């Protein structure tokens, strides 16, 4: 079973589709397109299937032929568009030539599929394809006012809801990315500021160490000078003491000599 990305299975009756295919009674199950379909109008309001829902037996030979023909039809249209040869497009809606609608219409899968299988006509190569048309509830394209009748919700409202949800998700994701980017930039700025502060701290520490080193050296020099001064005073005191001692010894010697001379005179 193939369903469009903008559809939602909402009822268990979808099991009927698989049961019908397993019974091998049908090769293809599909739902008729809505009257307002652009592809339907472009092809003269013929009855056609909406390719938003297709269920088929993959092993059936007629199904494989149908798929091969469909691919061939799409390739033929794409090649003709590439060569700007609208005459190579079957049932080309020439009234839309030169507009964006033309491209969108002829590249639509329903436009190409309608040349292979419709509710009332099969391509000669798949004339034996056993096809059944399912009620529109299996590919509900209404306004959503009959929710109990839906098996597959393919309403424009649901599609727009999905688009809006996607846009909201994309917007939130973009905001998250921008916020993450901003946070990353702020983190980088903080890291740079931290590095600058750290560098400043390092410079301050270096200055302090230099200042401390200078102070230490100054202290050492002061202590050295104080020691030298102390040693000098000690030396001077010692020298003074030695001079005083020598002077005393000299005086004592002189007195002894004088005393000795006096004795000699007495004798």
C-alpha atoms as a PDB file:
ATOM      1  CA  UNK A   1       0.000   0.000   0.000  1.00  0.00           C
ATOM      2  CA  UNK A   2       1.266   3.449  -0.936  1.00  0.00           C
ATOM      3  CA  UNK A   3      -0.099   6.570   0.759  1.00  0.00           C
ATOM      4  CA  UNK A   4       1.035  10.186   0.503  1.00  0.00           C
ATOM      5  CA  UNK A   5       3.211  11.650   3.242  1.00  0.00           C
ATOM      6  CA  UNK A   6       0.428  14.102   4.131  1.00  0.00           C
ATOM      7  CA  UNK A   7      -2.080  11.372   5.008  1.00  0.00           C
ATOM      8  CA  UNK A   8      -3.028   9.713   8.285  1.00  0.00           C
ATOM      9  CA  UNK A   9      -4.658   6.310   8.830  1.00  0.00           C
ATOM     10  CA  UNK A  10      -7.414   6.902  11.396  1.00  0.00           C
ATOM     11  CA  UNK A  11      -9.653   3.807  11.270  1.00  0.00           C
ATOM     12  CA  UNK A  12      -9.022   0.039  11.610  1.00  0.00           C
ATOM     13  CA  UNK A  13     -11.051  -0.617   8.448  1.00  0.00           C
ATOM     14  CA  UNK A  14      -7.724  -0.199   6.653  1.00  0.00           C
ATOM     15  CA  UNK A  15      -7.326  -3.925   7.354  1.00  0.00           C
ATOM     16  CA  UNK A  16     -10.007  -4.553   4.752  1.00  0.00           C
ATOM     17  CA  UNK A  17      -7.594  -3.369   2.065  1.00  0.00           C
ATOM     18  CA  UNK A  18      -4.944  -5.953   2.965  1.00  0.00           C
ATOM     19  CA  UNK A  19      -7.553  -8.700   3.347  1.00  0.00           C
ATOM     20  CA  UNK A  20      -8.912  -7.997  -0.145  1.00  0.00           C
ATOM     21  CA  UNK A  21      -5.427  -8.191  -1.655  1.00  0.00           C
ATOM     22  CA  UNK A  22      -4.521 -11.352   0.259  1.00  0.00           C
ATOM     23  CA  UNK A  23      -7.648 -13.032  -1.112  1.00  0.00           C
ATOM     24  CA  UNK A  24      -6.176 -12.357  -4.574  1.00  0.00           C
ATOM     25  CA  UNK A  25      -9.549 -11.152  -5.778  1.00  0.00           C
ATOM     26  CA  UNK A  26      -8.076  -7.832  -6.928  1.00  0.00           C
ATOM     27  CA  UNK A  27      -4.690  -6.642  -8.188  1.00  0.00           C
ATOM     28  CA  UNK A  28      -5.248  -2.935  -7.537  1.00  0.00           C
ATOM     29  CA  UNK A  29      -7.417  -0.982  -5.085  1.00  0.00           C
ATOM     30  CA  UNK A  30      -7.730   2.791  -5.500  1.00  0.00           C
ATOM     31  CA  UNK A  31      -9.989   5.747  -4.754  1.00  0.00           C
ATOM     32  CA  UNK A  32     -11.453   8.109  -7.369  1.00  0.00           C
ATOM     33  CA  UNK A  33     -10.084  11.649  -7.434  1.00  0.00           C
ATOM     34  CA  UNK A  34     -12.157  14.612  -6.287  1.00  0.00           C
ATOM     35  CA  UNK A  35     -14.125  16.624  -8.890  1.00  0.00           C
ATOM     36  CA  UNK A  36     -12.085  19.760  -8.198  1.00  0.00           C
ATOM     37  CA  UNK A  37      -8.782  18.021  -9.040  1.00  0.00           C
ATOM     38  CA  UNK A  38      -6.557  20.074 -11.377  1.00  0.00           C
ATOM     39  CA  UNK A  39      -5.374  16.916 -13.154  1.00  0.00           C
ATOM     40  CA  UNK A  40      -8.982  15.817 -13.679  1.00  0.00           C
ATOM     41  CA  UNK A  41      -9.922  19.192 -15.168  1.00  0.00           C
ATOM     42  CA  UNK A  42      -6.819  19.227 -17.382  1.00  0.00           C
ATOM     43  CA  UNK A  43      -7.772  15.872 -18.862  1.00  0.00           C
ATOM     44  CA  UNK A  44     -11.309  16.879 -19.714  1.00  0.00           C
ATOM     45  CA  UNK A  45     -12.923  15.924 -16.408  1.00  0.00           C
ATOM     46  CA  UNK A  46     -12.394  12.217 -17.017  1.00  0.00           C
ATOM     47  CA  UNK A  47     -12.767   9.850 -14.077  1.00  0.00           C
ATOM     48  CA  UNK A  48      -9.359   9.160 -12.602  1.00  0.00           C
ATOM     49  CA  UNK A  49      -7.737   7.772  -9.477  1.00  0.00           C
ATOM     50  CA  UNK A  50      -6.074   9.830  -6.786  1.00  0.00           C
ATOM     51  CA  UNK A  51      -2.533   8.495  -6.399  1.00  0.00           C
ATOM     52  CA  UNK A  52      -2.405   9.613  -2.763  1.00  0.00           C
ATOM     53  CA  UNK A  53      -3.694   6.096  -2.003  1.00  0.00           C
ATOM     54  CA  UNK A  54      -2.855   2.990  -4.010  1.00  0.00           C
ATOM     55  CA  UNK A  55      -2.908  -0.608  -2.804  1.00  0.00           C
ATOM     56  CA  UNK A  56      -1.664  -3.417  -5.072  1.00  0.00           C
ATOM     57  CA  UNK A  57      -0.364  -6.982  -5.125  1.00  0.00           C
ATOM     58  CA  UNK A  58       3.369  -6.699  -5.810  1.00  0.00           C
ATOM     59  CA  UNK A  59       3.604 -10.257  -7.113  1.00  0.00           C
ATOM     60  CA  UNK A  60       0.899  -9.850  -9.747  1.00  0.00           C
ATOM     61  CA  UNK A  61       2.291  -9.704 -13.330  1.00  0.00           C
ATOM     62  CA  UNK A  62      -0.282  -7.102 -14.384  1.00  0.00           C
ATOM     63  CA  UNK A  63       0.779  -4.861 -11.493  1.00  0.00           C
ATOM     64  CA  UNK A  64       4.425  -4.994 -12.572  1.00  0.00           C
ATOM     65  CA  UNK A  65       3.391  -4.088 -16.129  1.00  0.00           C
ATOM     66  CA  UNK A  66       1.323  -1.211 -14.738  1.00  0.00           C
ATOM     67  CA  UNK A  67       4.268   0.130 -12.715  1.00  0.00           C
ATOM     68  CA  UNK A  68       6.647  -0.204 -15.692  1.00  0.00           C
ATOM     69  CA  UNK A  69       4.210   1.687 -17.922  1.00  0.00           C
ATOM     70  CA  UNK A  70       3.827   4.374 -15.276  1.00  0.00           C
ATOM     71  CA  UNK A  71       7.595   4.845 -15.003  1.00  0.00           C
ATOM     72  CA  UNK A  72       7.843   4.988 -18.809  1.00  0.00           C
ATOM     73  CA  UNK A  73       5.118   7.621 -18.923  1.00  0.00           C
ATOM     74  CA  UNK A  74       6.914   9.789 -16.334  1.00  0.00           C
ATOM     75  CA  UNK A  75      10.223   9.446 -18.233  1.00  0.00           C
ATOM     76  CA  UNK A  76       8.517  10.440 -21.487  1.00  0.00           C
ATOM     77  CA  UNK A  77       7.027  13.564 -19.889  1.00  0.00           C
ATOM     78  CA  UNK A  78      10.304  14.507 -18.171  1.00  0.00           C
ATOM     79  CA  UNK A  79      12.284  14.073 -21.406  1.00  0.00           C
ATOM     80  CA  UNK A  80       9.785  16.184 -23.355  1.00  0.00           C
ATOM     81  CA  UNK A  81       9.964  18.921 -20.728  1.00  0.00           C
ATOM     82  CA  UNK A  82      13.758  18.813 -20.829  1.00  0.00           C
ATOM     83  CA  UNK A  83      13.662  19.342 -24.585  1.00  0.00           C
ATOM     84  CA  UNK A  84      10.876  21.942 -24.247  1.00  0.00           C
ATOM     85  CA  UNK A  85       8.806  19.767 -26.573  1.00  0.00           C
ATOM     86  CA  UNK A  86       5.259  19.968 -25.240  1.00  0.00           C
ATOM     87  CA  UNK A  87       4.052  17.968 -28.224  1.00  0.00           C
ATOM     88  CA  UNK A  88       5.815  14.948 -26.723  1.00  0.00           C
ATOM     89  CA  UNK A  89       3.561  15.132 -23.657  1.00  0.00           C
ATOM     90  CA  UNK A  90       0.350  13.115 -24.094  1.00  0.00           C
ATOM     91  CA  UNK A  91      -2.811  15.177 -23.632  1.00  0.00           C
ATOM     92  CA  UNK A  92      -0.689  18.280 -23.014  1.00  0.00           C
ATOM     93  CA  UNK A  93      -2.803  21.105 -21.472  1.00  0.00           C
ATOM     94  CA  UNK A  94      -1.545  23.692 -23.988  1.00  0.00           C
ATOM     95  CA  UNK A  95      -3.775  26.380 -22.530  1.00  0.00           C
ATOM     96  CA  UNK A  96      -1.349  26.494 -19.571  1.00  0.00           C
ATOM     97  CA  UNK A  97       1.860  26.641 -21.624  1.00  0.00           C
ATOM     98  CA  UNK A  98       4.408  29.100 -20.333  1.00  0.00           C
ATOM     99  CA  UNK A  99       3.083  29.027 -16.766  1.00  0.00           C
ATOM    100  CA  UNK A 100       4.321  27.308 -13.613  1.00  0.00           C
ATOM    101  CA  UNK A 101       0.991  25.491 -13.431  1.00  0.00           C
ATOM    102  CA  UNK A 102       1.850  23.631 -16.647  1.00  0.00           C
ATOM    103  CA  UNK A 103       5.009  22.121 -15.217  1.00  0.00           C
ATOM    104  CA  UNK A 104       3.369  21.264 -11.894  1.00  0.00           C
ATOM    105  CA  UNK A 105       0.414  19.643 -13.636  1.00  0.00           C
ATOM    106  CA  UNK A 106       2.191  17.442 -16.182  1.00  0.00           C
ATOM    107  CA  UNK A 107       4.783  16.321 -13.608  1.00  0.00           C
ATOM    108  CA  UNK A 108       2.030  15.356 -11.184  1.00  0.00           C
ATOM    109  CA  UNK A 109       1.857  11.588 -10.638  1.00  0.00           C
ATOM    110  CA  UNK A 110      -1.935  11.581 -11.078  1.00  0.00           C
ATOM    111  CA  UNK A 111      -1.597  13.120 -14.564  1.00  0.00           C
ATOM    112  CA  UNK A 112       0.775  10.367 -15.714  1.00  0.00           C
ATOM    113  CA  UNK A 113      -1.096   7.548 -13.930  1.00  0.00           C
ATOM    114  CA  UNK A 114      -4.359   8.562 -15.618  1.00  0.00           C
ATOM    115  CA  UNK A 115      -2.800   7.510 -18.945  1.00  0.00           C
ATOM    116  CA  UNK A 116      -2.355   3.960 -17.600  1.00  0.00           C
ATOM    117  CA  UNK A 117      -5.337   3.187 -15.383  1.00  0.00           C
ATOM    118  CA  UNK A 118      -8.626   4.974 -14.673  1.00  0.00           C
ATOM    119  CA  UNK A 119     -11.871   3.684 -13.151  1.00  0.00           C
ATOM    120  CA  UNK A 120     -13.280   3.196 -16.662  1.00  0.00           C
ATOM    121  CA  UNK A 121     -10.225   2.590 -18.836  1.00  0.00           C
ATOM    122  CA  UNK A 122      -7.026   0.479 -18.755  1.00  0.00           C
ATOM    123  CA  UNK A 123      -4.012   0.739 -21.006  1.00  0.00           C
ATOM    124  CA  UNK A 124      -4.106  -2.126 -23.559  1.00  0.00           C
ATOM    125  CA  UNK A 125      -1.002  -3.707 -22.004  1.00  0.00           C
ATOM    126  CA  UNK A 126      -2.766  -4.028 -18.622  1.00  0.00           C
ATOM    127  CA  UNK A 127      -6.211  -4.853 -19.935  1.00  0.00           C
ATOM    128  CA  UNK A 128      -6.397  -7.854 -17.575  1.00  0.00           C
ATOM    129  CA  UNK A 129      -5.568  -5.820 -14.437  1.00  0.00           C
ATOM    130  CA  UNK A 130      -8.238  -6.532 -11.830  1.00  0.00           C
ATOM    131  CA  UNK A 131      -9.017  -3.169 -10.287  1.00  0.00           C
ATOM    132  CA  UNK A 132     -11.586  -2.119  -7.693  1.00  0.00           C
ATOM    133  CA  UNK A 133     -12.636   1.361  -6.710  1.00  0.00           C
ATOM    134  CA  UNK A 134     -12.794   1.907  -2.944  1.00  0.00           C
ATOM    135  CA  UNK A 135     -15.177   4.364  -1.235  1.00  0.00           C
ATOM    136  CA  UNK A 136     -13.792   7.893  -0.834  1.00  0.00           C
ATOM    137  CA  UNK A 137     -13.453   7.330   2.954  1.00  0.00           C
ATOM    138  CA  UNK A 138     -10.290   5.342   2.186  1.00  0.00           C
ATOM    139  CA  UNK A 139      -8.718   8.522   0.822  1.00  0.00           C
ATOM    140  CA  UNK A 140     -10.879  11.197   2.352  1.00  0.00           C
ATOM    141  CA  UNK A 141     -10.318  14.569   0.683  1.00  0.00           C
ATOM    142  CA  UNK A 142     -13.304  16.486   2.091  1.00  0.00           C
ATOM    143  CA  UNK A 143     -13.430  19.331   4.548  1.00  0.00           C
ATOM    144  CA  UNK A 144     -13.049  17.046   7.572  1.00  0.00           C
ATOM    145  CA  UNK A 145     -16.664  17.507   8.684  1.00  0.00           C
ATOM    146  CA  UNK A 146     -17.250  13.734   8.605  1.00  0.00           C
ATOM    147  CA  UNK A 147     -14.456  12.368  10.842  1.00  0.00           C
ATOM    148  CA  UNK A 148     -16.325   9.140  11.612  1.00  0.00           C
ATOM    149  CA  UNK A 149     -16.352   8.269   7.916  1.00  0.00           C
ATOM    150  CA  UNK A 150     -12.610   8.609   7.432  1.00  0.00           C
ATOM    151  CA  UNK A 151     -10.260   5.617   7.167  1.00  0.00           C
ATOM    152  CA  UNK A 152      -7.407   7.598   5.633  1.00  0.00           C
ATOM    153  CA  UNK A 153      -7.358  11.323   6.364  1.00  0.00           C
ATOM    154  CA  UNK A 154      -6.098  13.158   3.282  1.00  0.00           C
ATOM    155  CA  UNK A 155      -7.870  16.452   3.893  1.00  0.00           C
ATOM    156  CA  UNK A 156      -6.303  19.804   2.996  1.00  0.00           C
ATOM    157  CA  UNK A 157      -6.749  20.851   6.649  1.00  0.00           C
ATOM    158  CA  UNK A 158      -4.618  17.933   7.836  1.00  0.00           C
ATOM    159  CA  UNK A 159      -2.056  18.691   5.143  1.00  0.00           C
ATOM    160  CA  UNK A 160      -1.904  22.337   6.203  1.00  0.00           C
ATOM    161  CA  UNK A 161      -1.691  21.204   9.822  1.00  0.00           C
ATOM    162  CA  UNK A 162       1.328  19.089   8.924  1.00  0.00           C
ATOM    163  CA  UNK A 163       2.881  21.959   6.969  1.00  0.00           C
ATOM    164  CA  UNK A 164       2.248  24.366   9.846  1.00  0.00           C
ATOM    165  CA  UNK A 165       3.642  21.851  12.337  1.00  0.00           C
ATOM    166  CA  UNK A 166       6.705  21.399  10.137  1.00  0.00           C
ATOM    167  CA  UNK A 167       7.169  25.156   9.801  1.00  0.00           C
ATOM    168  CA  UNK A 168       6.806  25.547  13.567  1.00  0.00           C
ATOM    169  CA  UNK A 169       9.329  22.745  14.123  1.00  0.00           C
ATOM    170  CA  UNK A 170      11.691  24.369  11.633  1.00  0.00           C
ATOM    171  CA  UNK A 171      11.223  27.761  13.319  1.00  0.00           C
ATOM    172  CA  UNK A 172      11.926  26.274  16.766  1.00  0.00           C
ATOM    173  CA  UNK A 173      14.943  24.435  15.425  1.00  0.00           C
ATOM    174  CA  UNK A 174      16.235  27.644  13.845  1.00  0.00           C
ATOM    175  CA  UNK A 175      15.719  29.507  17.122  1.00  0.00           C
ATOM    176  CA  UNK A 176      17.520  26.724  19.013  1.00  0.00           C
ATOM    177  CA  UNK A 177      20.407  26.853  16.542  1.00  0.00           C
ATOM    178  CA  UNK A 178      20.595  30.654  16.812  1.00  0.00           C
ATOM    179  CA  UNK A 179      20.452  30.418  20.607  1.00  0.00           C
ATOM    180  CA  UNK A 180      23.127  27.711  20.625  1.00  0.00           C
ATOM    181  CA  UNK A 181      25.256  29.855  18.314  1.00  0.00           C
ATOM    182  CA  UNK A 182      24.767  32.894  20.550  1.00  0.00           C
ATOM    183  CA  UNK A 183      25.613  30.866  23.661  1.00  0.00           C
ATOM    184  CA  UNK A 184      28.706  29.512  21.917  1.00  0.00           C
ATOM    185  CA  UNK A 185      29.763  33.054  20.956  1.00  0.00           C
ATOM    186  CA  UNK A 186      29.164  34.261  24.521  1.00  0.00           C
ATOM    187  CA  UNK A 187      31.121  31.293  25.850  1.00  0.00           C
ATOM    188  CA  UNK A 188      33.983  32.159  23.468  1.00  0.00           C
ATOM    189  CA  UNK A 189      33.876  35.788  24.607  1.00  0.00           C
ATOM    190  CA  UNK A 190      33.904  34.705  28.265  1.00  0.00           C
ATOM    191  CA  UNK A 191      36.793  32.366  27.550  1.00  0.00           C
ATOM    192  CA  UNK A 192      38.692  35.195  25.849  1.00  0.00           C
ATOM    193  CA  UNK A 193      37.955  37.478  28.814  1.00  0.00           C
ATOM    194  CA  UNK A 194      39.119  34.747  31.184  1.00  0.00           C
ATOM    195  CA  UNK A 195      42.298  34.366  29.148  1.00  0.00           C
ATOM    196  CA  UNK A 196      42.865  38.150  29.268  1.00  0.00           C
ATOM    197  CA  UNK A 197      42.185  38.201  33.001  1.00  0.00           C
ATOM    198  CA  UNK A 198      44.442  35.221  33.469  1.00  0.00           C
ATOM    199  CA  UNK A 199      47.114  36.950  31.406  1.00  0.00           C
ATOM    200  CA  UNK A 200      46.632  40.114  33.466  1.00  0.00           C
ATOM    201  CA  UNK A 201      46.842  38.072  36.653  1.00  0.00           C
ATOM    202  CA  UNK A 202      50.012  36.470  35.351  1.00  0.00           C
ATOM    203  CA  UNK A 203      51.509  39.862  34.598  1.00  0.00           C
ATOM    204  CA  UNK A 204      50.504  41.125  38.052  1.00  0.00           C
ATOM    205  CA  UNK A 205      51.983  38.041  39.646  1.00  0.00           C
ATOM    206  CA  UNK A 206      55.179  38.538  37.676  1.00  0.00           C
ATOM    207  CA  UNK A 207      55.365  42.171  38.786  1.00  0.00           C
ATOM    208  CA  UNK A 208      54.721  41.126  42.347  1.00  0.00           C
ATOM    209  CA  UNK A 209      57.419  38.504  42.126  1.00  0.00           C
ATOM    210  CA  UNK A 210      59.808  41.034  40.630  1.00  0.00           C
ATOM    211  CA  UNK A 211      58.863  43.541  43.298  1.00  0.00           C
ATOM    212  CA  UNK A 212      59.148  40.873  45.925  1.00  0.00           C
ATOM    213  CA  UNK A 213      62.474  39.830  44.471  1.00  0.00           C
ATOM    214  CA  UNK A 214      63.681  43.384  44.501  1.00  0.00           C
ATOM    215  CA  UNK A 215      62.469  43.789  48.067  1.00  0.00           C
ATOM    216  CA  UNK A 216      64.176  40.578  49.042  1.00  0.00           C
ATOM    217  CA  UNK A 217      67.399  41.705  47.443  1.00  0.00           C
ATOM    218  CA  UNK A 218      67.058  45.100  49.073  1.00  0.00           C
ATOM    219  CA  UNK A 219      66.519  43.402  52.421  1.00  0.00           C
ATOM    220  CA  UNK A 220      69.499  41.163  51.886  1.00  0.00           C
ATOM    221  CA  UNK A 221      71.616  44.195  50.919  1.00  0.00           C
ATOM    222  CA  UNK A 222      70.440  46.082  53.996  1.00  0.00           C
ATOM    223  CA  UNK A 223      71.249  43.162  56.247  1.00  0.00           C
ATOM    224  CA  UNK A 224      74.630  42.767  54.554  1.00  0.00           C
ATOM    225  CA  UNK A 225      75.450  46.426  55.077  1.00  0.00           C
ATOM    226  CA  UNK A 226      74.263  46.277  58.665  1.00  0.00           C
ATOM    227  CA  UNK A 227      76.451  43.233  59.248  1.00  0.00           C
ATOM    228  CA  UNK A 228      79.396  44.941  57.609  1.00  0.00           C
ATOM    229  CA  UNK A 229      78.859  48.022  59.777  1.00  0.00           C
ATOM    230  CA  UNK A 230      78.590  45.862  62.855  1.00  0.00           C
ATOM    231  CA  UNK A 231      81.742  43.961  61.944  1.00  0.00           C
ATOM    232  CA  UNK A 232      83.513  47.249  61.239  1.00  0.00           C
ATOM    233  CA  UNK A 233      82.519  48.618  64.629  1.00  0.00           C
ATOM    234  CA  UNK A 234      83.615  45.396  66.260  1.00  0.00           C
ATOM    235  CA  UNK A 235      86.906  45.562  64.444  1.00  0.00           C
ATOM    236  CA  UNK A 236      87.376  49.213  65.388  1.00  0.00           C
ATOM    237  CA  UNK A 237      86.558  48.385  69.002  1.00  0.00           C
ATOM    238  CA  UNK A 238      89.044  45.549  68.949  1.00  0.00           C
ATOM    239  CA  UNK A 239      91.702  47.743  67.393  1.00  0.00           C
ATOM    240  CA  UNK A 240      91.017  50.416  70.001  1.00  0.00           C
ATOM    241  CA  UNK A 241      91.296  47.842  72.736  1.00  0.00           C
ATOM    242  CA  UNK A 242      94.529  46.554  71.265  1.00  0.00           C
ATOM    243  CA  UNK A 243      95.952  50.083  71.076  1.00  0.00           C
ATOM    244  CA  UNK A 244      94.887  50.735  74.627  1.00  0.00           C
ATOM    245  CA  UNK A 245      96.445  47.449  75.714  1.00  0.00           C
ATOM    246  CA  UNK A 246      99.661  48.262  73.928  1.00  0.00           C
ATOM    247  CA  UNK A 247      99.709  51.706  75.461  1.00  0.00           C
ATOM    248  CA  UNK A 248      99.213  50.207  78.922  1.00  0.00           C
ATOM    249  CA  UNK A 249     101.919  47.632  78.347  1.00  0.00           C
ATOM    250  CA  UNK A 250     104.252  50.361  77.150  1.00  0.00           C
ATOM    251  CA  UNK A 251     103.528  52.462  80.221  1.00  0.00           C
ATOM    252  CA  UNK A 252     104.029  49.497  82.506  1.00  0.00           C
ATOM    253  CA  UNK A 253     107.302  48.728  80.786  1.00  0.00           C
ATOM    254  CA  UNK A 254     108.409  52.298  81.200  1.00  0.00           C
ATOM    255  CA  UNK A 255     107.492  52.255  84.850  1.00  0.00           C
ATOM    256  CA  UNK A 256     109.393  49.023  85.389  1.00  0.00           C
ATOM    257  CA  UNK A 257     112.377  50.458  83.666  1.00  0.00           C
ATOM    258  CA  UNK A 258     112.224  53.617  85.726  1.00  0.00           C
ATOM    259  CA  UNK A 259     111.904  51.611  88.892  1.00  0.00           C
ATOM    260  CA  UNK A 260     114.822  49.476  87.888  1.00  0.00           C
ATOM    261  CA  UNK A 261     116.950  52.545  87.231  1.00  0.00           C
ATOM    262  CA  UNK A 262     116.094  53.936  90.614  1.00  0.00           C
ATOM    263  CA  UNK A 263     117.251  50.776  92.371  1.00  0.00           C
ATOM    264  CA  UNK A 264     120.439  50.830  90.477  1.00  0.00           C
ATOM    265  CA  UNK A 265     121.052  54.380  91.597  1.00  0.00           C
ATOM    266  CA  UNK A 266     120.461  53.411  95.189  1.00  0.00           C
ATOM    267  CA  UNK A 267     122.981  50.661  94.948  1.00  0.00           C
END
